Structures are given as C-alpha cells and as structure tokens.
Amino acid sequence: MMKNRVLICTSLALLAGLSGGYFGGQIASRLHPQRCQQQGFGIKQICQILVIPGAMWQGSTTGLWTGTILGAFAGGLITRKKR
C-alpha cells in the first residue's frame, strides 16, 4: 500500500506542477506586456518582444513550484489512512 501511495502522490504532484507551469506561463505572458502600453507603436512591439520571454519563464517557474506543492498536498490528502 505504501508503494501505491508514493506513486499516486508523485504522479499527482508532477501532473499538477506541469499544468501549473503551463498555465502560469500563459497568464504571465498575457499580463506582463501591459507594461508596454504607454509606448509608441514601434517601441511597443519591441518592448513586447523583450518582455514576453521573461514573463513566460517567471510565470511557468512559479506555476511549476506552486502546482507541485499543491499537487503533493492533494495527493497526501487523497491517499491518507482513514481512522
């Protein structure tokens, strides 16, 4: 039973971490370019090209960590022994 519990917790943590990383990157890449709205048209495009990769990296890293921790916690709750 212990082996199944570890497998379930690990799988759930990895799945939640990967999906959190994906969605975190998508959300951050949509929100961060708003900082470029005050620029002129040509500068605005360059600003977005420079901002989006960093935003995706930051959002996906944050989402990965948060998703992994929450997934492991949920896996632990799901597989805990009932008294």
C-alpha atoms as a PDB file:
ATOM      1  CA  MET A   1       0.000   0.000   0.000  1.00  0.00           C
ATOM      2  CA  MET A   2       2.859   2.403   0.767  1.00  0.00           C
ATOM      3  CA  LYS A   3       4.297   1.993  -2.739  1.00  0.00           C
ATOM      4  CA  ASN A   4       0.935   2.920  -4.310  1.00  0.00           C
ATOM      5  CA  ARG A   5       0.645   5.962  -2.063  1.00  0.00           C
ATOM      6  CA  VAL A   6       4.047   7.264  -3.133  1.00  0.00           C
ATOM      7  CA  LEU A   7       3.243   6.612  -6.785  1.00  0.00           C
ATOM      8  CA  ILE A   8      -0.106   8.412  -6.574  1.00  0.00           C
ATOM      9  CA  CYS A   9       1.333  11.408  -4.703  1.00  0.00           C
ATOM     10  CA  THR A  10       4.273  11.704  -7.092  1.00  0.00           C
ATOM     11  CA  SER A  11       2.104  11.402 -10.184  1.00  0.00           C
ATOM     12  CA  LEU A  12      -0.393  13.947  -8.926  1.00  0.00           C
ATOM     13  CA  ALA A  13       2.367  16.371  -7.927  1.00  0.00           C
ATOM     14  CA  LEU A  14       4.047  16.082 -11.343  1.00  0.00           C
ATOM     15  CA  LEU A  15       0.783  16.480 -13.225  1.00  0.00           C
ATOM     16  CA  ALA A  16      -0.264  19.499 -11.156  1.00  0.00           C
ATOM     17  CA  GLY A  17       3.218  21.007 -11.464  1.00  0.00           C
ATOM     18  CA  LEU A  18       3.339  20.671 -15.239  1.00  0.00           C
ATOM     19  CA  SER A  19      -0.140  22.055 -15.746  1.00  0.00           C
ATOM     20  CA  GLY A  20       0.571  24.855 -13.256  1.00  0.00           C
ATOM     21  CA  GLY A  21       3.729  25.687 -15.184  1.00  0.00           C
ATOM     22  CA  TYR A  22       1.875  25.805 -18.474  1.00  0.00           C
ATOM     23  CA  PHE A  23      -0.998  27.946 -17.215  1.00  0.00           C
ATOM     24  CA  GLY A  24       1.327  30.190 -15.204  1.00  0.00           C
ATOM     25  CA  GLY A  25       3.375  30.896 -18.317  1.00  0.00           C
ATOM     26  CA  GLN A  26       0.263  31.636 -20.359  1.00  0.00           C
ATOM     27  CA  ILE A  27      -1.177  34.003 -17.767  1.00  0.00           C
ATOM     28  CA  ALA A  28       2.101  35.840 -17.227  1.00  0.00           C
ATOM     29  CA  SER A  29       2.698  36.239 -20.963  1.00  0.00           C
ATOM     30  CA  ARG A  30      -0.731  37.885 -21.261  1.00  0.00           C
ATOM     31  CA  LEU A  31      -0.357  40.214 -18.261  1.00  0.00           C
ATOM     32  CA  HIS A  32       3.248  41.422 -18.430  1.00  0.00           C
ATOM     33  CA  PRO A  33       3.097  43.110 -21.872  1.00  0.00           C
ATOM     34  CA  GLN A  34       0.571  45.556 -20.414  1.00  0.00           C
ATOM     35  CA  ARG A  35       3.615  47.432 -19.112  1.00  0.00           C
ATOM     36  CA  CYS A  36       4.358  48.313 -22.753  1.00  0.00           C
ATOM     37  CA  GLN A  37       1.015  50.067 -23.372  1.00  0.00           C
ATOM     38  CA  GLN A  38       2.414  53.551 -22.709  1.00  0.00           C
ATOM     39  CA  GLN A  39       4.994  53.280 -25.508  1.00  0.00           C
ATOM     40  CA  GLY A  40       4.655  54.349 -29.152  1.00  0.00           C
ATOM     41  CA  PHE A  41       3.705  51.712 -31.745  1.00  0.00           C
ATOM     42  CA  GLY A  42       7.205  50.668 -32.892  1.00  0.00           C
ATOM     43  CA  ILE A  43       8.679  50.786 -29.401  1.00  0.00           C
ATOM     44  CA  LYS A  44       5.622  48.960 -28.058  1.00  0.00           C
ATOM     45  CA  GLN A  45       6.315  45.987 -30.365  1.00  0.00           C
ATOM     46  CA  ILE A  46       9.980  45.846 -29.330  1.00  0.00           C
ATOM     47  CA  CYS A  47       9.003  46.131 -25.668  1.00  0.00           C
ATOM     48  CA  GLN A  48       6.627  43.176 -26.005  1.00  0.00           C
ATOM     49  CA  ILE A  49       9.273  41.088 -27.769  1.00  0.00           C
ATOM     50  CA  LEU A  50      11.638  41.746 -24.876  1.00  0.00           C
ATOM     51  CA  VAL A  51       9.105  41.290 -22.063  1.00  0.00           C
ATOM     52  CA  ILE A  52       7.202  38.143 -23.122  1.00  0.00           C
ATOM     53  CA  PRO A  53      10.038  35.534 -22.818  1.00  0.00           C
ATOM     54  CA  GLY A  54      10.929  36.684 -19.303  1.00  0.00           C
ATOM     55  CA  ALA A  55       7.283  36.753 -18.303  1.00  0.00           C
ATOM     56  CA  MET A  56       6.719  33.223 -19.594  1.00  0.00           C
ATOM     57  CA  TRP A  57       9.820  31.980 -17.745  1.00  0.00           C
ATOM     58  CA  GLN A  58       8.801  33.654 -14.494  1.00  0.00           C
ATOM     59  CA  GLY A  59       5.165  32.530 -14.726  1.00  0.00           C
ATOM     60  CA  SER A  60       5.965  28.957 -15.668  1.00  0.00           C
ATOM     61  CA  THR A  61       8.552  28.610 -12.895  1.00  0.00           C
ATOM     62  CA  THR A  62       6.137  29.983 -10.304  1.00  0.00           C
ATOM     63  CA  GLY A  63       3.308  27.803 -11.614  1.00  0.00           C
ATOM     64  CA  LEU A  64       5.530  24.727 -11.605  1.00  0.00           C
ATOM     65  CA  TRP A  65       6.529  25.168  -7.961  1.00  0.00           C
ATOM     66  CA  THR A  66       3.041  26.088  -6.785  1.00  0.00           C
ATOM     67  CA  GLY A  67       1.387  23.286  -8.726  1.00  0.00           C
ATOM     68  CA  THR A  68       3.861  20.690  -7.494  1.00  0.00           C
ATOM     69  CA  ILE A  69       3.411  21.667  -3.852  1.00  0.00           C
ATOM     70  CA  LEU A  70      -0.384  21.802  -4.088  1.00  0.00           C
ATOM     71  CA  GLY A  71      -0.485  18.541  -6.053  1.00  0.00           C
ATOM     72  CA  ALA A  72       1.625  16.746  -3.461  1.00  0.00           C
ATOM     73  CA  PHE A  73      -0.569  18.115  -0.688  1.00  0.00           C
ATOM     74  CA  ALA A  74      -3.742  16.987  -2.501  1.00  0.00           C
ATOM     75  CA  GLY A  75      -2.194  13.571  -3.177  1.00  0.00           C
ATOM     76  CA  GLY A  76      -1.388  13.212   0.502  1.00  0.00           C
ATOM     77  CA  LEU A  77      -4.943  14.082   1.461  1.00  0.00           C
ATOM     78  CA  ILE A  78      -6.381  11.651  -1.055  1.00  0.00           C
ATOM     79  CA  THR A  79      -4.191   8.708  -0.006  1.00  0.00           C
ATOM     80  CA  ARG A  80      -4.122   9.221   3.752  1.00  0.00           C
ATOM     81  CA  LYS A  81      -5.211   6.389   6.003  1.00  0.00           C
ATOM     82  CA  LYS A  82      -8.722   6.714   7.317  1.00  0.00           C
ATOM     83  CA  ARG A  83      -9.244   6.128  11.023  1.00  0.00           C
END
